[in-house]
Structures are given as C-alpha cells and as structure tokens.
Amino acid sequence: MARVPSEPLHPSEHLSTFAEAVLDVVELVPPGRVMTYGDVAEYLGRGGPRAVGTVMARYGSAVPWWRVLRADGSPPQGHEAQALRHYRRERTPLRAGGEKVDLSRARWDGEPAA
C-alpha cells in the first residue's frame, strides 16, 4: 500500500518494511479503540515503543494516528486537543477528567471484531 508521509521523502529515502508494518497495524485499529506504541511493537514482534513512535512522528499523518498513544493513556504529545476531538467523535472510552484514554476499556488486542 502506498503511503503519504507527513513530509516529503528525500529522493534517496523510502519507507522501511518496519515503517510499512507499523502503518498497516495502525490502519487496522477500529474506531473507538487504541493501542499503545508498545502494543504495536509487541503485535509486530519487533521494534519497541520508541521505534513505533519514530515511525508515527514521521509518517503517522497518513493513518489514524490518534489511535496510538502513550502507555499511560495520554494522547500523542503536541496533538492532545486534536486527538481528544477524535476520541470524543469515535466515543473512545476516556478516564474521569476526560484527558486520557481508559486503556482498560479502549485497548485493542489486534483481534477482528466479532
């Protein structure tokens, strides 16, 4: 699947297979559900939270980026207001106070919806 990075690629750059895999997983996360950066890495069986975060920071605008967040349920740093608008529109379960996602209810395990 062709990707549109958040910034144009230099002619010598291309998406790594890891970056493609991360973006493919993010596209699978259903509306109203989320994964942490670490969840994505675990699902893929490679990389780690920082590697996933790097991919998302660089190319995440091409996918539903708000569905990947920090391990404490916080939206991606610097994009909190926009992410919260998406969460509310998708009815993603939020914690009391409404600023963090309730991971116990919103976390997606990678299984297709029944």
Protein backbone atom coordinates (compact mmCIF):
# COMPACT_ATOMS: atom_id res chain seq x y z
CA MET A 1 0.00 0.00 0.00
CA ALA A 2 1.43 3.40 -0.93
CA ARG A 3 1.98 5.83 1.91
CA VAL A 4 1.87 9.59 2.07
CA PRO A 5 4.45 10.71 4.63
CA SER A 6 3.79 13.78 6.76
CA GLU A 7 6.72 15.43 4.99
CA PRO A 8 8.02 14.64 1.51
CA LEU A 9 10.66 11.94 1.33
CA HIS A 10 14.08 12.80 0.04
CA PRO A 11 14.64 11.00 -3.30
CA SER A 12 17.05 8.57 -1.61
CA GLU A 13 14.55 7.68 1.17
CA HIS A 14 11.89 5.03 1.17
CA LEU A 15 9.69 3.51 3.84
CA SER A 16 11.31 0.61 5.60
CA THR A 17 9.41 -2.63 5.91
CA PHE A 18 9.13 -1.87 9.64
CA ALA A 19 7.55 1.53 8.96
CA GLU A 20 5.14 -0.03 6.47
CA ALA A 21 4.21 -2.70 9.03
CA VAL A 22 3.59 -0.10 11.76
CA LEU A 23 1.34 1.95 9.50
CA ASP A 24 -0.52 -1.16 8.38
CA VAL A 25 -1.26 -2.11 12.01
CA VAL A 26 -2.46 1.40 12.84
CA GLU A 27 -4.89 1.26 9.92
CA LEU A 28 -6.40 -1.90 11.44
CA VAL A 29 -7.24 -0.31 14.82
CA PRO A 30 -11.03 0.14 14.85
CA PRO A 31 -12.67 3.49 15.65
CA GLY A 32 -13.10 3.90 19.40
CA ARG A 33 -10.19 1.57 20.15
CA VAL A 34 -6.48 2.28 20.72
CA MET A 35 -3.07 0.66 21.00
CA THR A 36 -0.02 1.97 22.80
CA TYR A 37 3.28 2.38 20.99
CA GLY A 38 4.47 -0.71 22.87
CA ASP A 39 1.35 -2.65 21.88
CA VAL A 40 2.10 -2.03 18.20
CA ALA A 41 5.69 -3.23 18.62
CA GLU A 42 4.51 -6.32 20.51
CA TYR A 43 1.87 -7.06 17.87
CA LEU A 44 4.57 -6.90 15.18
CA GLY A 45 7.05 -8.88 17.27
CA ARG A 46 9.80 -6.37 16.56
CA GLY A 47 10.91 -2.85 17.34
CA GLY A 48 9.89 -1.13 20.51
CA PRO A 49 7.79 1.81 21.66
CA ARG A 50 10.38 4.37 20.58
CA ALA A 51 10.78 2.84 17.14
CA VAL A 52 7.00 2.88 16.67
CA GLY A 53 6.89 6.46 17.94
CA THR A 54 9.52 7.47 15.42
CA VAL A 55 7.51 5.97 12.58
CA MET A 56 4.34 7.65 13.79
CA ALA A 57 6.06 11.02 14.19
CA ARG A 58 7.44 10.88 10.69
CA TYR A 59 4.67 9.17 8.71
CA GLY A 60 1.67 8.92 11.02
CA SER A 61 -0.39 11.64 9.38
CA ALA A 62 -1.30 9.12 6.67
CA VAL A 63 -3.15 6.86 9.16
CA PRO A 64 -5.49 7.33 12.18
CA TRP A 65 -2.55 8.42 14.36
CA TRP A 66 -4.74 9.30 17.38
CA ARG A 67 -5.41 5.59 17.92
CA VAL A 68 -1.78 5.06 19.00
CA LEU A 69 -0.86 6.62 22.30
CA ARG A 70 1.42 6.53 25.30
CA ALA A 71 1.33 3.74 27.86
CA ASP A 72 -0.43 5.96 30.42
CA GLY A 73 -3.34 6.64 28.05
CA SER A 74 -2.12 10.11 27.10
CA PRO A 75 -2.65 11.32 23.54
CA PRO A 76 0.38 11.88 21.32
CA GLN A 77 2.41 14.78 22.68
CA GLY A 78 1.72 18.07 20.97
CA HIS A 79 -1.53 16.79 19.46
CA GLU A 80 -3.64 16.40 22.60
CA ALA A 81 -6.52 18.71 21.63
CA GLN A 82 -6.91 17.24 18.15
CA ALA A 83 -6.66 13.66 19.46
CA LEU A 84 -9.31 14.34 22.12
CA ARG A 85 -11.68 15.62 19.43
CA HIS A 86 -11.18 12.32 17.56
CA TYR A 87 -11.69 10.29 20.77
CA ARG A 88 -14.94 12.06 21.54
CA ARG A 89 -16.22 11.71 17.98
CA GLU A 90 -15.36 7.97 17.96
CA ARG A 91 -16.67 7.51 21.51
CA THR A 92 -13.35 6.17 22.72
CA PRO A 93 -13.65 5.47 26.47
CA LEU A 94 -11.90 8.19 28.46
CA ARG A 95 -10.85 8.27 32.09
CA ALA A 96 -12.54 10.54 34.61
CA GLY A 97 -11.48 14.06 33.73
CA GLY A 98 -11.63 13.27 30.01
CA GLU A 99 -7.99 13.91 29.14
CA LYS A 100 -6.66 10.35 28.93
CA VAL A 101 -7.98 7.22 27.29
CA ASP A 102 -9.23 4.45 29.58
CA LEU A 103 -6.92 1.70 28.34
CA SER A 104 -8.75 -0.99 30.30
CA ARG A 105 -11.80 -0.40 28.10
CA ALA A 106 -10.37 1.01 24.86
CA ARG A 107 -7.24 -1.09 24.25
CA TRP A 108 -7.42 -3.17 21.07
CA ASP A 109 -5.73 -6.57 21.15
CA GLY A 110 -5.46 -6.99 17.39
CA GLU A 111 -8.36 -9.39 17.11
CA PRO A 112 -11.02 -8.68 14.49
CA ALA A 113 -14.36 -7.53 15.85
CA ALA A 114 -16.81 -10.38 16.37
